[in-house]
Protein backbone atom coordinates (compact mmCIF):
# COMPACT_ATOMS: atom_id res chain seq x y z
CA UNK A 1 -0.08 0.17 0.02
CA UNK A 2 1.39 3.37 -1.04
CA UNK A 3 1.04 6.35 1.17
CA UNK A 4 1.87 9.63 -0.26
CA UNK A 5 3.04 12.25 2.10
CA UNK A 6 2.55 16.38 1.23
CA UNK A 7 6.31 16.60 1.50
CA UNK A 8 9.56 14.38 1.47
CA UNK A 9 10.05 12.52 4.68
CA UNK A 10 13.45 12.14 6.78
CA UNK A 11 14.06 8.55 6.15
CA UNK A 12 16.18 8.46 9.79
CA UNK A 13 12.74 8.78 11.55
CA UNK A 14 10.58 6.26 9.19
CA UNK A 15 9.88 2.53 10.37
CA UNK A 16 6.98 0.15 9.78
CA UNK A 17 5.80 0.90 13.59
CA UNK A 18 5.07 4.49 12.75
CA UNK A 19 2.01 3.42 10.57
CA UNK A 20 -1.61 1.90 11.57
CA UNK A 21 -3.57 0.59 8.92
CA UNK A 22 -7.44 -0.13 10.55
CA UNK A 23 -10.16 -2.33 8.65
CA UNK A 24 -13.72 -1.59 7.58
CA UNK A 25 -14.57 -3.64 10.62
CA UNK A 26 -12.11 -1.92 12.94
CA UNK A 27 -9.36 -4.29 13.27
CA UNK A 28 -5.54 -3.43 12.94
CA UNK A 29 -3.57 -4.60 10.07
CA UNK A 30 -0.68 -6.44 10.86
CA UNK A 31 2.61 -4.25 9.39
CA UNK A 32 5.62 -5.99 8.20
CA UNK A 33 7.74 -3.17 6.65
CA UNK A 34 8.05 0.16 5.55
CA UNK A 35 10.09 1.22 2.68
CA UNK A 36 10.45 4.07 -0.05
CA UNK A 37 11.74 1.89 -2.99
CA UNK A 38 11.64 2.38 -5.83
CA UNK A 39 10.72 6.25 -5.37
CA UNK A 40 14.15 7.15 -4.46
CA UNK A 41 15.37 9.75 -6.77
CA UNK A 42 15.86 13.50 -5.44
CA UNK A 43 12.33 14.46 -4.57
CA UNK A 44 10.81 11.54 -4.83
CA UNK A 45 11.02 10.89 -0.74
CA UNK A 46 7.07 11.20 -0.41
CA UNK A 47 6.00 7.90 -1.21
CA UNK A 48 6.17 5.27 1.43
CA UNK A 49 5.20 2.02 0.78
CA UNK A 50 3.80 -0.21 3.45
CA UNK A 51 4.00 -3.98 3.36
CA UNK A 52 1.97 -6.53 5.52
CA UNK A 53 -1.70 -8.16 5.99
CA UNK A 54 -4.09 -5.00 5.45
CA UNK A 55 -7.23 -7.18 5.56
CA UNK A 56 -9.43 -9.02 2.77
CA UNK A 57 -10.46 -6.67 0.17
CA UNK A 58 -13.72 -8.19 -0.37
CA UNK A 59 -14.84 -8.87 3.49
CA UNK A 60 -13.02 -6.67 5.17
CA UNK A 61 -11.13 -4.00 3.60
CA UNK A 62 -8.28 -1.22 4.92
CA UNK A 63 -10.10 1.85 5.45
CA UNK A 64 -7.83 4.14 6.95
CA UNK A 65 -3.67 4.61 7.74
CA UNK A 66 -2.99 6.50 10.55
CA UNK A 67 1.01 8.07 11.42
CA UNK A 68 1.18 6.66 14.97
CA UNK A 69 5.24 7.30 15.43
CA UNK A 70 6.92 10.46 14.98
CA UNK A 71 7.99 10.49 11.79
CA UNK A 72 9.38 13.74 10.34
CA UNK A 73 9.40 15.61 7.40
CA UNK A 74 12.92 15.51 5.20
CA UNK A 75 13.37 19.37 6.67
CA UNK A 76 12.44 18.41 10.16
CA UNK A 77 9.73 21.30 10.04
CA UNK A 78 6.73 18.63 10.63
CA UNK A 79 5.85 15.72 12.43
CA UNK A 80 3.35 13.65 11.04
CA UNK A 81 2.45 11.68 13.85
CA UNK A 82 -1.27 11.77 14.00
CA UNK A 83 -2.41 12.57 10.39
CA UNK A 84 -4.91 10.43 8.89
CA UNK A 85 -5.95 9.54 5.30
CA UNK A 86 -8.69 7.45 4.07
CA UNK A 87 -7.66 4.23 1.90
CA UNK A 88 -8.26 4.38 -1.71
CA UNK A 89 -10.46 1.23 -2.74
CA UNK A 90 -8.28 -1.58 -4.46
CA UNK A 91 -10.44 -1.28 -7.41
CA UNK A 92 -9.95 2.52 -8.21
CA UNK A 93 -7.52 2.89 -10.77
CA UNK A 94 -4.72 5.60 -10.36
CA UNK A 95 -4.56 9.14 -10.27
CA UNK A 96 -2.17 11.92 -10.55
CA UNK A 97 -1.99 13.42 -6.76
CA UNK A 98 0.79 15.91 -6.88
CA UNK A 99 2.75 18.10 -9.17
CA UNK A 100 5.77 20.42 -8.73
CA UNK A 101 8.73 22.16 -10.67
CA UNK A 102 11.88 20.38 -9.98
CA UNK A 103 14.32 23.08 -9.87
CA UNK A 104 17.13 20.53 -10.32
CA UNK A 105 15.77 18.35 -13.09
CA UNK A 106 19.24 18.07 -14.89
CA UNK A 107 20.18 15.62 -11.73
CA UNK A 108 17.34 13.22 -11.46
CA UNK A 109 18.55 10.04 -13.13
CA UNK A 110 21.95 10.48 -12.11
CA UNK A 111 21.76 10.02 -8.01
CA UNK A 112 20.45 7.34 -5.95
CA UNK A 113 20.49 3.78 -6.01
CA UNK A 114 21.68 2.86 -9.98
CA UNK A 115 18.48 0.36 -10.52
CA UNK A 116 16.19 3.04 -9.19
CA UNK A 117 17.53 5.68 -11.36
CA UNK A 118 14.71 6.75 -13.91
CA UNK A 119 15.46 8.22 -17.42
CA UNK A 120 16.53 11.74 -18.08
CA UNK A 121 14.72 14.55 -19.93
CA UNK A 122 16.97 15.36 -23.16
CA UNK A 123 19.37 18.40 -22.84
CA UNK A 124 18.29 19.99 -26.04
CA UNK A 125 15.46 22.88 -25.88
CA UNK A 126 14.53 21.73 -22.62
CA UNK A 127 14.24 24.77 -20.01
CA UNK A 128 11.92 23.29 -17.12
CA UNK A 129 10.68 20.31 -15.88
CA UNK A 130 7.74 19.21 -13.88
CA UNK A 131 8.10 15.92 -11.48
CA UNK A 132 3.97 14.53 -11.24
CA UNK A 133 3.32 11.74 -8.70
CA UNK A 134 0.51 9.06 -9.36
CA UNK A 135 -1.21 7.40 -6.60
CA UNK A 136 0.51 4.21 -7.37
CA UNK A 137 2.89 2.61 -9.84
CA UNK A 138 1.96 3.09 -13.64
CA UNK A 139 2.48 1.46 -16.82
CA UNK A 140 0.31 0.66 -20.07
CA UNK A 141 -1.80 -2.17 -19.84
CA UNK A 142 0.51 -4.68 -21.68
CA UNK A 143 3.12 -3.58 -18.59
CA UNK A 144 5.42 -1.38 -21.00
CA UNK A 145 6.33 1.80 -20.11
CA UNK A 146 4.75 4.94 -21.44
CA UNK A 147 6.15 6.48 -24.91
CA UNK A 148 5.30 9.79 -27.27
CA UNK A 149 1.52 8.53 -27.54
CA UNK A 150 1.32 8.90 -23.91
CA UNK A 151 3.52 11.97 -23.61
CA UNK A 152 1.27 13.71 -25.93
CA UNK A 153 -1.93 12.83 -23.89
CA UNK A 154 -0.39 15.16 -20.86
CA UNK A 155 -2.05 18.48 -20.68
CA UNK A 156 -0.39 21.54 -18.99
CA UNK A 157 -1.93 24.81 -18.39
CA UNK A 158 1.16 27.38 -18.50
CA UNK A 159 0.85 30.85 -17.61
CA UNK A 160 2.58 33.73 -19.23
CA UNK A 161 4.04 36.78 -17.62
CA UNK A 162 1.06 38.79 -18.57
CA UNK A 163 -1.29 36.35 -17.42
CA UNK A 164 -2.28 34.59 -20.16
CA UNK A 165 -2.71 31.10 -20.51
CA UNK A 166 -2.57 28.26 -22.70
CA UNK A 167 -2.63 24.34 -23.04
CA UNK A 168 0.64 22.84 -23.95
CA UNK A 169 2.11 18.80 -24.11
CA UNK A 170 5.56 17.82 -22.77
CA UNK A 171 8.59 18.21 -24.96
CA UNK A 172 10.00 14.87 -23.80
CA UNK A 173 8.73 12.02 -21.06
CA UNK A 174 11.19 11.14 -18.18
CA UNK A 175 11.88 9.38 -15.48
CA UNK A 176 10.74 6.04 -16.70
CA UNK A 177 12.02 2.82 -16.40
CA UNK A 178 12.27 2.76 -12.39
CA UNK A 179 9.34 1.00 -11.66
CA UNK A 180 8.10 3.79 -9.41
CA UNK A 181 5.10 6.33 -9.18
CA UNK A 182 6.61 9.51 -10.95
CA UNK A 183 7.06 10.97 -14.38
CA UNK A 184 9.33 13.85 -15.74
CA UNK A 185 7.55 16.45 -18.23
CA UNK A 186 10.03 18.06 -19.75
CA UNK A 187 9.23 21.38 -21.12
CA UNK A 188 10.35 23.71 -23.69
CA UNK A 189 8.79 26.77 -22.46
CA UNK A 190 9.50 29.00 -19.52
CA UNK A 191 5.91 29.98 -18.66
CA UNK A 192 4.80 29.03 -15.00
CA UNK A 193 3.01 25.67 -15.12
CA UNK A 194 -0.52 25.95 -13.72
CA UNK A 195 -2.00 22.44 -13.95
CA UNK A 196 -1.59 18.92 -15.21
CA UNK A 197 -4.48 16.69 -16.17
CA UNK A 198 -4.50 13.10 -18.05
CA UNK A 199 -7.35 11.36 -19.84
CA UNK A 200 -8.90 8.15 -18.78
CA UNK A 201 -8.40 4.64 -19.65
CA UNK A 202 -4.48 4.79 -20.99
CA UNK A 203 -2.31 3.86 -17.74
CA UNK A 204 -2.87 0.94 -15.20
CA UNK A 205 -1.50 0.20 -11.94
CA UNK A 206 -0.14 -3.17 -10.46
CA UNK A 207 -3.83 -4.34 -9.90
CA UNK A 208 -4.51 -3.75 -13.65
CA UNK A 209 -7.15 -0.93 -12.90
CA UNK A 210 -7.19 1.68 -15.75
CA UNK A 211 -6.73 5.18 -14.78
CA UNK A 212 -9.62 7.63 -14.47
CA UNK A 213 -9.40 11.25 -16.05
CA UNK A 214 -7.26 12.91 -13.43
CA UNK A 215 -5.80 16.79 -12.79
CA UNK A 216 -3.57 17.93 -10.60
CA UNK A 217 -2.58 21.85 -9.65
CA UNK A 218 1.10 22.55 -9.82
CA UNK A 219 2.74 23.31 -6.44
CA UNK A 220 4.37 26.85 -6.53
CA UNK A 221 8.16 26.23 -5.06
CA UNK A 222 8.43 27.38 -1.44
């Protein structure tokens, strides 16, 4: 079960005992471990994968996750203890849940464990990049990575200095091949990204559920 935080988490404070999963009947699930793999590129440490016995999906599914330990944000400004979130039903397809402009986008794919490094944005004509985070790992229905056809389905609203807005598509799609829940949208415009959307029925999660039509606002840099 992936749990996605509002900020990156401090791995020194992360342990399986920080989480409690509650089922529909009120039972507490059994937690085996918690990991950020495979989402380990710079900026990706907001997705924690919980592994354990969290109930039966048809009879007593998990309904809530609570942080019960002192799990801190990477900048040490937040303690997530007491935070709760409803569990997305297993049969629901993956949705976009977070998007941000990546300041050091040229480094992504060069840092972190080699086996979890995603592909890079091309260097020619790319001037900025957006990281989009899905609610779970996504691939095509045949298990392959998205390509140019799927890149062209992303829609990004950007805003010029004069306040006018227009819709663009990424010039390239990167951060592929690492098995995580992030894509990098490589842009050839300096206009400020406002939102990202993607149409329904294209990408699937590990449960083979197709994504719904989905959109997300691009977070402004701090």
